[in-house]
Amino acid sequence: MELVLVRHGLPVRRELTEGIADPELAPDGVKQAERMAEYLSSEDISAVYASPLRRARETAAPLAKMLGLQPIIEDDISEFDRNSSEYVPIEELRGTNDPRWLKMIRGEWEEGHDHPDLFRKRVIAAFERIISTHSGQRVVAVCHGGVINQYLAHVLGIQTQLGFFYPQYTSIHRVIASREGLRSLATLNEVAHLRD
């Protein structure tokens, strides 16, 4: 089977004093989702999964609509900061050397974030369940950069806490999964659909 992992589109920045920040897509993120949907819509896709976070659901919606499928919400492919009261795109944190970015690269996790070991285990288990459910099919899972990093690190046999590469918004990553348990990376960071 082919598992197609897609990072969500660009979301808006949201910082709350209480509650869960679950931002919607920014206008550019909506365009990215539409272009990704057009790019993948000609492929034989059996199911579209999405993280329950709004940015992932909104990214999955155009593709699911084009394919005539109802997205399947999978809680275990949500990001490590799913319960955080703030969402600041990682590019902004990194670009300004924000203290939150520096804490992340030192391996210091914020309160309310999933512990790295538990996060890794839940992500791997979720994708293995999806693979076993869709033997011989192609399935798309719209999720998050940290989620993609953890599963692909597992496939490649790499240990990583923060991540080993940067997945672009609406980038596509393909894993071939055999019934015998072999997992191989077919593509990484496909972004042809984002080029003008």
N, C-alpha and C. Protein backbone atom coordinates (compact mmCIF):
# COMPACT_ATOMS: atom_id res chain seq x y z
N MET A 1 0.84 -1.18 0.00
CA MET A 1 0.00 0.00 0.00
C MET A 1 0.88 1.24 0.00
N GLU A 2 0.29 2.36 -0.41
CA GLU A 2 1.02 3.62 -0.39
C GLU A 2 0.36 4.58 0.59
N LEU A 3 1.14 5.01 1.56
CA LEU A 3 0.68 5.99 2.54
C LEU A 3 1.24 7.35 2.13
N VAL A 4 0.35 8.28 1.83
CA VAL A 4 0.74 9.61 1.37
C VAL A 4 0.51 10.59 2.51
N LEU A 5 1.61 11.09 3.08
CA LEU A 5 1.52 12.04 4.18
C LEU A 5 1.59 13.45 3.63
N VAL A 6 0.68 14.31 4.08
CA VAL A 6 0.62 15.70 3.63
C VAL A 6 0.64 16.61 4.85
N ARG A 7 1.55 17.58 4.84
CA ARG A 7 1.51 18.58 5.91
C ARG A 7 0.39 19.58 5.60
N HIS A 8 -0.24 20.09 6.62
CA HIS A 8 -1.31 21.09 6.44
C HIS A 8 -0.76 22.35 5.78
N GLY A 9 -1.68 23.20 5.30
CA GLY A 9 -1.31 24.49 4.72
C GLY A 9 -0.97 25.51 5.81
N LEU A 10 -0.50 26.67 5.37
CA LEU A 10 -0.10 27.74 6.29
C LEU A 10 -1.29 28.21 7.13
N PRO A 11 -1.20 28.12 8.47
CA PRO A 11 -2.27 28.62 9.33
C PRO A 11 -1.99 30.05 9.79
N VAL A 12 -3.00 30.65 10.38
CA VAL A 12 -2.81 31.97 10.99
C VAL A 12 -2.12 31.79 12.34
N ARG A 13 -1.53 32.86 12.82
CA ARG A 13 -0.92 32.87 14.15
C ARG A 13 -2.03 33.10 15.17
N ARG A 14 -2.00 32.34 16.27
CA ARG A 14 -3.02 32.53 17.31
C ARG A 14 -2.39 32.31 18.66
N GLU A 15 -2.52 33.31 19.54
CA GLU A 15 -2.01 33.22 20.91
C GLU A 15 -3.13 33.63 21.85
N LEU A 16 -3.55 32.70 22.69
CA LEU A 16 -4.65 32.92 23.62
C LEU A 16 -4.12 32.93 25.05
N THR A 17 -4.86 33.57 25.95
CA THR A 17 -4.48 33.52 27.36
C THR A 17 -5.02 32.25 28.02
N GLU A 18 -6.08 31.67 27.45
CA GLU A 18 -6.60 30.40 27.94
C GLU A 18 -7.32 29.69 26.80
N GLY A 19 -7.52 28.40 26.97
CA GLY A 19 -8.15 27.62 25.92
C GLY A 19 -7.12 27.08 24.93
N ILE A 20 -7.62 26.36 23.94
CA ILE A 20 -6.75 25.72 22.95
C ILE A 20 -6.73 26.56 21.67
N ALA A 21 -5.56 26.91 21.24
CA ALA A 21 -5.39 27.63 19.97
C ALA A 21 -5.48 26.60 18.86
N ASP A 22 -6.49 26.69 18.06
CA ASP A 22 -6.68 25.74 16.96
C ASP A 22 -6.94 26.57 15.71
N PRO A 23 -5.88 27.17 15.15
CA PRO A 23 -6.09 28.16 14.09
C PRO A 23 -6.55 27.58 12.77
N GLU A 24 -7.27 28.42 12.05
CA GLU A 24 -7.68 28.09 10.68
C GLU A 24 -6.53 28.40 9.72
N LEU A 25 -6.72 28.02 8.47
CA LEU A 25 -5.72 28.32 7.45
C LEU A 25 -5.73 29.81 7.12
N ALA A 26 -4.55 30.34 6.86
CA ALA A 26 -4.42 31.70 6.32
C ALA A 26 -4.84 31.66 4.85
N PRO A 27 -5.12 32.81 4.23
CA PRO A 27 -5.48 32.80 2.80
C PRO A 27 -4.47 32.05 1.93
N ASP A 28 -3.18 32.21 2.19
CA ASP A 28 -2.18 31.46 1.43
C ASP A 28 -2.29 29.96 1.69
N GLY A 29 -2.64 29.59 2.90
CA GLY A 29 -2.83 28.18 3.23
C GLY A 29 -4.00 27.57 2.48
N VAL A 30 -5.07 28.34 2.31
CA VAL A 30 -6.23 27.86 1.54
C VAL A 30 -5.81 27.59 0.09
N LYS A 31 -5.04 28.50 -0.48
CA LYS A 31 -4.55 28.30 -1.87
C LYS A 31 -3.65 27.08 -1.96
N GLN A 32 -2.78 26.90 -0.98
CA GLN A 32 -1.90 25.73 -0.97
C GLN A 32 -2.73 24.44 -0.94
N ALA A 33 -3.78 24.41 -0.11
CA ALA A 33 -4.63 23.22 0.00
C ALA A 33 -5.34 22.94 -1.32
N GLU A 34 -5.80 23.98 -1.98
CA GLU A 34 -6.47 23.81 -3.27
C GLU A 34 -5.52 23.26 -4.33
N ARG A 35 -4.29 23.77 -4.34
CA ARG A 35 -3.31 23.31 -5.32
C ARG A 35 -2.90 21.86 -5.05
N MET A 36 -2.75 21.52 -3.78
CA MET A 36 -2.43 20.14 -3.42
C MET A 36 -3.55 19.21 -3.86
N ALA A 37 -4.80 19.63 -3.65
CA ALA A 37 -5.96 18.81 -4.03
C ALA A 37 -5.98 18.57 -5.54
N GLU A 38 -5.74 19.61 -6.31
CA GLU A 38 -5.70 19.45 -7.77
C GLU A 38 -4.60 18.47 -8.18
N TYR A 39 -3.46 18.57 -7.55
CA TYR A 39 -2.30 17.74 -7.86
C TYR A 39 -2.57 16.26 -7.58
N LEU A 40 -3.20 15.97 -6.44
CA LEU A 40 -3.43 14.58 -6.05
C LEU A 40 -4.74 13.99 -6.57
N SER A 41 -5.65 14.82 -7.05
CA SER A 41 -6.99 14.34 -7.38
C SER A 41 -7.04 13.34 -8.53
N SER A 42 -6.00 13.28 -9.36
CA SER A 42 -6.00 12.32 -10.46
C SER A 42 -5.52 10.94 -10.03
N GLU A 43 -5.03 10.82 -8.80
CA GLU A 43 -4.53 9.53 -8.31
C GLU A 43 -5.66 8.70 -7.73
N ASP A 44 -5.47 7.40 -7.75
CA ASP A 44 -6.47 6.46 -7.21
C ASP A 44 -6.30 6.40 -5.69
N ILE A 45 -7.08 7.21 -5.00
CA ILE A 45 -6.98 7.34 -3.54
C ILE A 45 -8.23 6.74 -2.90
N SER A 46 -8.03 5.82 -1.97
CA SER A 46 -9.14 5.10 -1.35
C SER A 46 -9.71 5.81 -0.13
N ALA A 47 -8.88 6.58 0.58
CA ALA A 47 -9.34 7.23 1.80
C ALA A 47 -8.49 8.47 2.06
N VAL A 48 -9.11 9.45 2.74
CA VAL A 48 -8.41 10.65 3.17
C VAL A 48 -8.58 10.75 4.68
N TYR A 49 -7.46 10.70 5.38
CA TYR A 49 -7.46 10.87 6.83
C TYR A 49 -7.02 12.29 7.15
N ALA A 50 -7.43 12.79 8.31
CA ALA A 50 -6.99 14.11 8.75
C ALA A 50 -6.89 14.14 10.27
N SER A 51 -5.91 14.88 10.74
CA SER A 51 -5.84 15.22 12.15
C SER A 51 -7.09 16.02 12.51
N PRO A 52 -7.55 15.97 13.76
CA PRO A 52 -8.73 16.76 14.14
C PRO A 52 -8.47 18.25 14.24
N LEU A 53 -7.19 18.67 14.19
CA LEU A 53 -6.90 20.10 14.28
C LEU A 53 -7.38 20.81 13.01
N ARG A 54 -7.91 22.00 13.22
CA ARG A 54 -8.60 22.73 12.15
C ARG A 54 -7.74 22.92 10.90
N ARG A 55 -6.46 23.25 11.08
CA ARG A 55 -5.60 23.48 9.92
C ARG A 55 -5.46 22.23 9.05
N ALA A 56 -5.47 21.06 9.67
CA ALA A 56 -5.39 19.80 8.91
C ALA A 56 -6.73 19.48 8.24
N ARG A 57 -7.82 19.65 8.98
CA ARG A 57 -9.15 19.37 8.39
C ARG A 57 -9.42 20.28 7.20
N GLU A 58 -9.07 21.56 7.34
CA GLU A 58 -9.30 22.51 6.23
C GLU A 58 -8.40 22.20 5.03
N THR A 59 -7.22 21.66 5.28
CA THR A 59 -6.33 21.29 4.18
C THR A 59 -6.85 20.04 3.46
N ALA A 60 -7.39 19.11 4.21
CA ALA A 60 -7.91 17.86 3.62
C ALA A 60 -9.21 18.07 2.85
N ALA A 61 -9.98 19.07 3.22
CA ALA A 61 -11.33 19.23 2.66
C ALA A 61 -11.38 19.35 1.13
N PRO A 62 -10.55 20.17 0.47
CA PRO A 62 -10.66 20.25 -0.99
C PRO A 62 -10.37 18.93 -1.70
N LEU A 63 -9.38 18.19 -1.22
CA LEU A 63 -9.06 16.89 -1.85
C LEU A 63 -10.20 15.90 -1.64
N ALA A 64 -10.69 15.82 -0.41
CA ALA A 64 -11.80 14.89 -0.13
C ALA A 64 -13.01 15.22 -0.99
N LYS A 65 -13.30 16.50 -1.15
CA LYS A 65 -14.44 16.92 -1.98
C LYS A 65 -14.24 16.51 -3.43
N MET A 66 -13.04 16.75 -3.98
CA MET A 66 -12.76 16.37 -5.37
C MET A 66 -12.89 14.87 -5.59
N LEU A 67 -12.52 14.09 -4.58
CA LEU A 67 -12.56 12.63 -4.69
C LEU A 67 -13.91 12.04 -4.30
N GLY A 68 -14.80 12.86 -3.74
CA GLY A 68 -16.09 12.37 -3.28
C GLY A 68 -15.97 11.49 -2.05
N LEU A 69 -15.00 11.79 -1.19
CA LEU A 69 -14.77 11.02 0.02
C LEU A 69 -15.06 11.86 1.26
N GLN A 70 -15.44 11.20 2.33
CA GLN A 70 -15.60 11.85 3.63
C GLN A 70 -14.29 11.68 4.39
N PRO A 71 -13.65 12.77 4.82
CA PRO A 71 -12.40 12.61 5.56
C PRO A 71 -12.62 11.82 6.86
N ILE A 72 -11.66 10.98 7.18
CA ILE A 72 -11.68 10.20 8.41
C ILE A 72 -10.79 10.93 9.42
N ILE A 73 -11.36 11.33 10.53
CA ILE A 73 -10.60 12.07 11.53
C ILE A 73 -9.88 11.07 12.44
N GLU A 74 -8.56 11.24 12.54
CA GLU A 74 -7.71 10.37 13.35
C GLU A 74 -6.97 11.21 14.38
N ASP A 75 -7.41 11.12 15.62
CA ASP A 75 -6.85 11.94 16.69
C ASP A 75 -5.35 11.72 16.89
N ASP A 76 -4.89 10.51 16.68
CA ASP A 76 -3.50 10.19 16.98
C ASP A 76 -2.49 10.71 15.96
N ILE A 77 -2.95 11.39 14.90
CA ILE A 77 -2.01 12.04 13.99
C ILE A 77 -2.04 13.56 14.17
N SER A 78 -2.52 14.00 15.34
CA SER A 78 -2.46 15.42 15.67
C SER A 78 -1.06 15.75 16.22
N GLU A 79 -0.72 17.03 16.21
CA GLU A 79 0.63 17.48 16.55
C GLU A 79 0.89 17.38 18.05
N PHE A 80 2.17 17.42 18.44
CA PHE A 80 2.57 17.31 19.84
C PHE A 80 2.04 18.46 20.68
N ASP A 81 1.74 19.62 20.06
CA ASP A 81 1.26 20.79 20.81
C ASP A 81 -0.25 20.99 20.64
N ARG A 82 -0.96 19.92 20.39
CA ARG A 82 -2.39 19.99 20.08
C ARG A 82 -3.23 20.68 21.15
N ASN A 83 -2.77 20.68 22.40
CA ASN A 83 -3.53 21.29 23.49
C ASN A 83 -2.98 22.65 23.91
N SER A 84 -2.09 23.21 23.13
CA SER A 84 -1.45 24.47 23.48
C SER A 84 -2.40 25.65 23.30
N SER A 85 -2.18 26.69 24.10
CA SER A 85 -3.01 27.90 23.98
C SER A 85 -2.45 28.86 22.95
N GLU A 86 -1.37 28.46 22.26
CA GLU A 86 -0.81 29.33 21.23
C GLU A 86 -0.34 28.51 20.04
N TYR A 87 -0.44 29.12 18.87
CA TYR A 87 0.13 28.53 17.67
C TYR A 87 0.85 29.65 16.93
N VAL A 88 2.15 29.51 16.86
CA VAL A 88 2.98 30.43 16.10
C VAL A 88 3.73 29.57 15.09
N PRO A 89 3.57 29.84 13.79
CA PRO A 89 4.29 29.02 12.80
C PRO A 89 5.77 28.92 13.15
N ILE A 90 6.29 27.71 13.05
CA ILE A 90 7.67 27.43 13.43
C ILE A 90 8.66 28.33 12.70
N GLU A 91 8.30 28.74 11.48
CA GLU A 91 9.18 29.62 10.70
C GLU A 91 9.34 30.97 11.39
N GLU A 92 8.27 31.46 11.99
CA GLU A 92 8.35 32.73 12.72
C GLU A 92 9.20 32.57 13.98
N LEU A 93 9.00 31.48 14.70
CA LEU A 93 9.79 31.25 15.92
C LEU A 93 11.28 31.16 15.58
N ARG A 94 11.58 30.38 14.55
CA ARG A 94 12.97 30.18 14.16
C ARG A 94 13.58 31.48 13.62
N GLY A 95 12.84 32.20 12.81
CA GLY A 95 13.33 33.41 12.16
C GLY A 95 13.66 34.54 13.12
N THR A 96 13.01 34.53 14.28
CA THR A 96 13.24 35.60 15.26
C THR A 96 14.04 35.11 16.48
N ASN A 97 14.50 33.85 16.42
CA ASN A 97 15.20 33.25 17.57
C ASN A 97 14.36 33.36 18.84
N ASP A 98 13.07 33.19 18.68
CA ASP A 98 12.13 33.24 19.79
C ASP A 98 12.56 32.27 20.89
N PRO A 99 12.44 32.66 22.16
CA PRO A 99 12.82 31.76 23.26
C PRO A 99 12.12 30.40 23.19
N ARG A 100 10.88 30.37 22.66
CA ARG A 100 10.17 29.10 22.53
C ARG A 100 10.87 28.17 21.54
N TRP A 101 11.41 28.75 20.47
CA TRP A 101 12.17 27.97 19.49
C TRP A 101 13.45 27.42 20.13
N LEU A 102 14.14 28.28 20.86
CA LEU A 102 15.39 27.85 21.49
C LEU A 102 15.14 26.73 22.49
N LYS A 103 14.03 26.80 23.23
CA LYS A 103 13.69 25.72 24.16
C LYS A 103 13.44 24.42 23.41
N MET A 104 12.76 24.51 22.26
CA MET A 104 12.48 23.31 21.48
C MET A 104 13.76 22.65 20.99
N ILE A 105 14.69 23.44 20.47
CA ILE A 105 15.90 22.81 19.92
C ILE A 105 16.81 22.27 21.03
N ARG A 106 16.63 22.75 22.25
CA ARG A 106 17.37 22.19 23.39
C ARG A 106 16.67 20.95 23.95
N GLY A 107 15.49 20.64 23.41
CA GLY A 107 14.75 19.48 23.89
C GLY A 107 13.92 19.75 25.12
N GLU A 108 13.67 21.01 25.42
CA GLU A 108 12.84 21.38 26.57
C GLU A 108 11.42 21.59 26.07
N TRP A 109 10.49 20.80 26.58
CA TRP A 109 9.13 20.83 26.07
C TRP A 109 8.24 21.67 26.98
N GLU A 110 7.34 22.40 26.36
CA GLU A 110 6.40 23.26 27.08
C GLU A 110 5.36 22.43 27.82
N GLU A 111 4.84 22.98 28.90
CA GLU A 111 3.73 22.35 29.60
C GLU A 111 2.55 22.25 28.65
N GLY A 112 1.87 21.13 28.66
CA GLY A 112 0.74 20.93 27.77
C GLY A 112 1.11 20.26 26.46
N HIS A 113 2.41 20.13 26.17
CA HIS A 113 2.85 19.41 24.97
C HIS A 113 2.99 17.93 25.32
N ASP A 114 2.75 17.08 24.33
CA ASP A 114 2.94 15.66 24.54
C ASP A 114 4.42 15.36 24.79
N HIS A 115 4.70 14.44 25.68
CA HIS A 115 6.08 14.01 25.92
C HIS A 115 6.61 13.38 24.61
N PRO A 116 7.85 13.67 24.23
CA PRO A 116 8.37 13.17 22.95
C PRO A 116 8.23 11.67 22.76
N ASP A 117 8.49 10.87 23.78
CA ASP A 117 8.39 9.41 23.63
C ASP A 117 6.95 8.97 23.40
N LEU A 118 6.02 9.57 24.13
CA LEU A 118 4.61 9.22 23.96
C LEU A 118 4.10 9.70 22.60
N PHE A 119 4.54 10.88 22.20
CA PHE A 119 4.16 11.43 20.90
C PHE A 119 4.61 10.48 19.79
N ARG A 120 5.87 10.08 19.81
CA ARG A 120 6.43 9.19 18.80
C ARG A 120 5.64 7.88 18.74
N LYS A 121 5.36 7.28 19.90
CA LYS A 121 4.64 6.01 19.95
C LYS A 121 3.24 6.13 19.39
N ARG A 122 2.54 7.22 19.73
CA ARG A 122 1.16 7.35 19.25
C ARG A 122 1.11 7.56 17.75
N VAL A 123 2.07 8.34 17.21
CA VAL A 123 2.12 8.60 15.77
C VAL A 123 2.40 7.31 15.00
N ILE A 124 3.40 6.57 15.44
CA ILE A 124 3.76 5.31 14.75
C ILE A 124 2.59 4.33 14.80
N ALA A 125 1.98 4.19 15.96
CA ALA A 125 0.85 3.26 16.10
C ALA A 125 -0.32 3.66 15.19
N ALA A 126 -0.59 4.96 15.09
CA ALA A 126 -1.69 5.42 14.25
C ALA A 126 -1.46 5.08 12.79
N PHE A 127 -0.25 5.36 12.29
CA PHE A 127 0.01 5.07 10.88
C PHE A 127 0.05 3.57 10.61
N GLU A 128 0.53 2.80 11.55
CA GLU A 128 0.52 1.35 11.35
C GLU A 128 -0.92 0.82 11.32
N ARG A 129 -1.83 1.40 12.11
CA ARG A 129 -3.25 1.01 12.05
C ARG A 129 -3.84 1.36 10.69
N ILE A 130 -3.52 2.57 10.20
CA ILE A 130 -4.04 2.99 8.89
C ILE A 130 -3.52 2.05 7.81
N ILE A 131 -2.25 1.71 7.86
CA ILE A 131 -1.66 0.81 6.87
C ILE A 131 -2.36 -0.54 6.89
N SER A 132 -2.57 -1.10 8.08
CA SER A 132 -3.19 -2.43 8.16
C SER A 132 -4.65 -2.41 7.71
N THR A 133 -5.31 -1.27 7.83
CA THR A 133 -6.71 -1.14 7.40
C THR A 133 -6.85 -1.04 5.89
N HIS A 134 -5.80 -0.58 5.21
CA HIS A 134 -5.91 -0.27 3.77
C HIS A 134 -4.89 -1.03 2.93
N SER A 135 -4.77 -2.30 3.16
CA SER A 135 -3.84 -3.13 2.41
C SER A 135 -4.10 -3.00 0.90
N GLY A 136 -3.03 -2.76 0.14
CA GLY A 136 -3.15 -2.70 -1.32
C GLY A 136 -3.74 -1.41 -1.86
N GLN A 137 -3.96 -0.41 -1.01
CA GLN A 137 -4.60 0.84 -1.44
C GLN A 137 -3.63 2.01 -1.30
N ARG A 138 -4.06 3.16 -1.82
CA ARG A 138 -3.34 4.42 -1.61
C ARG A 138 -4.22 5.29 -0.72
N VAL A 139 -3.62 5.79 0.37
CA VAL A 139 -4.35 6.57 1.37
C VAL A 139 -3.58 7.85 1.64
N VAL A 140 -4.31 8.96 1.77
CA VAL A 140 -3.71 10.25 2.12
C VAL A 140 -4.02 10.54 3.58
N ALA A 141 -3.00 11.03 4.30
CA ALA A 141 -3.19 11.46 5.70
C ALA A 141 -2.66 12.88 5.83
N VAL A 142 -3.57 13.82 6.10
CA VAL A 142 -3.19 15.23 6.26
C VAL A 142 -2.92 15.47 7.74
N CYS A 143 -1.69 15.87 8.03
CA CYS A 143 -1.30 15.98 9.43
C CYS A 143 -0.32 17.15 9.62
N HIS A 144 0.76 16.95 10.34
CA HIS A 144 1.61 18.05 10.80
C HIS A 144 3.09 17.73 10.62
N GLY A 145 3.90 18.79 10.65
CA GLY A 145 5.33 18.62 10.44
C GLY A 145 6.00 17.70 11.44
N GLY A 146 5.65 17.84 12.71
CA GLY A 146 6.24 16.98 13.73
C GLY A 146 5.81 15.53 13.57
N VAL A 147 4.56 15.33 13.20
CA VAL A 147 4.02 13.98 12.97
C VAL A 147 4.76 13.31 11.81
N ILE A 148 4.89 14.04 10.71
CA ILE A 148 5.59 13.51 9.53
C ILE A 148 7.03 13.17 9.89
N ASN A 149 7.71 14.07 10.59
CA ASN A 149 9.09 13.82 11.00
C ASN A 149 9.20 12.54 11.83
N GLN A 150 8.30 12.35 12.77
CA GLN A 150 8.40 11.17 13.64
C GLN A 150 8.17 9.88 12.87
N TYR A 151 7.16 9.85 11.99
CA TYR A 151 6.90 8.60 11.28
C TYR A 151 7.99 8.30 10.26
N LEU A 152 8.46 9.31 9.54
CA LEU A 152 9.51 9.07 8.55
C LEU A 152 10.83 8.72 9.24
N ALA A 153 11.10 9.29 10.40
CA ALA A 153 12.28 8.89 11.16
C ALA A 153 12.18 7.42 11.53
N HIS A 154 11.00 6.97 11.90
CA HIS A 154 10.77 5.56 12.22
C HIS A 154 11.05 4.69 10.99
N VAL A 155 10.53 5.09 9.84
CA VAL A 155 10.73 4.33 8.61
C VAL A 155 12.22 4.24 8.27
N LEU A 156 12.95 5.34 8.48
CA LEU A 156 14.37 5.39 8.14
C LEU A 156 15.29 4.88 9.24
N GLY A 157 14.73 4.59 10.42
CA GLY A 157 15.54 4.11 11.53
C GLY A 157 16.36 5.20 12.19
N ILE A 158 15.83 6.44 12.20
CA ILE A 158 16.51 7.60 12.78
C ILE A 158 15.83 7.95 14.10
N GLN A 159 16.62 8.30 15.11
CA GLN A 159 16.06 8.83 16.35
C GLN A 159 16.08 10.35 16.26
N THR A 160 14.94 10.98 16.47
CA THR A 160 14.88 12.44 16.45
C THR A 160 13.85 12.92 17.45
N GLN A 161 14.13 14.04 18.08
CA GLN A 161 13.15 14.61 19.00
C GLN A 161 12.36 15.70 18.30
N LEU A 162 13.05 16.71 17.78
CA LEU A 162 12.36 17.82 17.12
C LEU A 162 12.02 17.47 15.67
N GLY A 163 12.93 16.83 14.98
CA GLY A 163 12.73 16.49 13.59
C GLY A 163 14.05 16.48 12.86
N PHE A 164 14.10 15.79 11.73
CA PHE A 164 15.34 15.70 10.98
C PHE A 164 15.29 16.47 9.67
N PHE A 165 14.11 16.99 9.28
CA PHE A 165 14.00 17.79 8.07
C PHE A 165 12.80 18.72 8.19
N TYR A 166 12.70 19.66 7.25
CA TYR A 166 11.61 20.64 7.27
C TYR A 166 10.59 20.32 6.18
N PRO A 167 9.41 19.85 6.54
CA PRO A 167 8.36 19.63 5.55
C PRO A 167 7.67 20.95 5.20
N GLN A 168 7.64 21.30 3.94
CA GLN A 168 6.97 22.52 3.49
C GLN A 168 5.46 22.39 3.72
N TYR A 169 4.77 23.53 3.75
CA TYR A 169 3.31 23.49 3.86
C TYR A 169 2.73 22.79 2.63
N THR A 170 1.82 21.88 2.85
CA THR A 170 1.16 21.00 1.88
C THR A 170 2.16 20.14 1.10
N SER A 171 3.35 19.94 1.65
CA SER A 171 4.30 19.01 1.02
C SER A 171 3.77 17.58 1.14
N ILE A 172 4.21 16.74 0.20
CA ILE A 172 3.73 15.37 0.07
C ILE A 172 4.91 14.43 0.28
N HIS A 173 4.68 13.38 1.07
CA HIS A 173 5.71 12.41 1.42
C HIS A 173 5.09 11.02 1.28
N ARG A 174 5.72 10.15 0.52
CA ARG A 174 5.12 8.84 0.22
C ARG A 174 5.91 7.70 0.85
N VAL A 175 5.17 6.82 1.52
CA VAL A 175 5.75 5.62 2.13
C VAL A 175 5.09 4.41 1.48
N ILE A 176 5.91 3.47 1.05
CA ILE A 176 5.40 2.21 0.53
C ILE A 176 5.47 1.21 1.68
N ALA A 177 4.34 0.56 1.96
CA ALA A 177 4.24 -0.37 3.08
C ALA A 177 3.81 -1.74 2.58
N SER A 178 4.64 -2.75 2.82
CA SER A 178 4.32 -4.10 2.38
C SER A 178 3.55 -4.84 3.46
N ARG A 179 2.86 -5.89 3.04
CA ARG A 179 2.13 -6.73 4.00
C ARG A 179 3.09 -7.44 4.96
N GLU A 180 4.33 -7.63 4.53
CA GLU A 180 5.33 -8.32 5.35
C GLU A 180 5.95 -7.40 6.40
N GLY A 181 5.58 -6.12 6.41
CA GLY A 181 6.10 -5.20 7.41
C GLY A 181 7.20 -4.28 6.94
N LEU A 182 7.64 -4.42 5.69
CA LEU A 182 8.67 -3.53 5.16
C LEU A 182 8.07 -2.16 4.89
N ARG A 183 8.77 -1.10 5.33
CA ARG A 183 8.36 0.27 5.10
C ARG A 183 9.50 0.98 4.39
N SER A 184 9.22 1.63 3.26
CA SER A 184 10.27 2.35 2.54
C SER A 184 9.76 3.71 2.10
N LEU A 185 10.66 4.67 2.13
CA LEU A 185 10.34 6.04 1.74
C LEU A 185 10.45 6.15 0.23
N ALA A 186 9.36 6.53 -0.43
CA ALA A 186 9.36 6.67 -1.89
C ALA A 186 9.67 8.10 -2.31
N THR A 187 9.06 9.09 -1.65
CA THR A 187 9.37 10.50 -1.94
C THR A 187 9.36 11.29 -0.64
N LEU A 188 10.08 12.41 -0.68
CA LEU A 188 10.17 13.30 0.49
C LEU A 188 9.99 14.73 0.01
N ASN A 189 9.07 15.46 0.63
CA ASN A 189 8.88 16.89 0.36
C ASN A 189 8.54 17.20 -1.10
N GLU A 190 7.60 16.47 -1.69
CA GLU A 190 7.11 16.83 -3.02
C GLU A 190 6.40 18.17 -2.91
N VAL A 191 6.80 19.14 -3.75
CA VAL A 191 6.17 20.47 -3.72
C VAL A 191 5.93 21.02 -5.13
N ALA A 192 5.91 20.15 -6.13
CA ALA A 192 5.70 20.62 -7.50
C ALA A 192 4.40 21.38 -7.65
N HIS A 193 3.39 21.01 -6.88
CA HIS A 193 2.08 21.66 -6.97
C HIS A 193 2.12 23.11 -6.48
N LEU A 194 3.15 23.50 -5.78
CA LEU A 194 3.25 24.87 -5.25
C LEU A 194 4.01 25.80 -6.19
N ARG A 195 4.59 25.26 -7.25
CA ARG A 195 5.36 26.10 -8.18
C ARG A 195 4.42 26.77 -9.17
N ASP A 196 4.73 28.02 -9.51
CA ASP A 196 3.91 28.74 -10.50
C ASP A 196 4.33 28.33 -11.90
